[in-house]
Amino acid sequence: METLKIAIYVLCILTSAACSYLLLRGYWRSSTRLLFWSGLCFGFLSANSFVVILDIMVFPAADLQFFRHSASLAAVGTLLFGLVWETE
């Protein structure tokens, strides 16, 4: 069961990182700024998944909730800022 948890968290990191890479690559090719904000959002989501692994697997005695929530807030804030910025 522990191996399955690790595999799921690693897949979350890889998926978020791949989405971030593809969105940022699309931004560099087309200069569409919404792709940039979306790529940053997925980058922060990837960081959030990495901190989750650190919190649960590497440092189970430490409380890394602040960093987990900070990464999530940065992801959502970045995407919201990009959406509002692009509609003006």
Foldseek 3Di string as FASTA:
>chain_A
DVVVVVVVLVVLLVVLQVQLVVLVVVCVVPVPVLSVLLSVLSVLSSVLSVVVCCCVPVPVPDDPVVVNVVSNCVSVVSNVVSVVVVVD
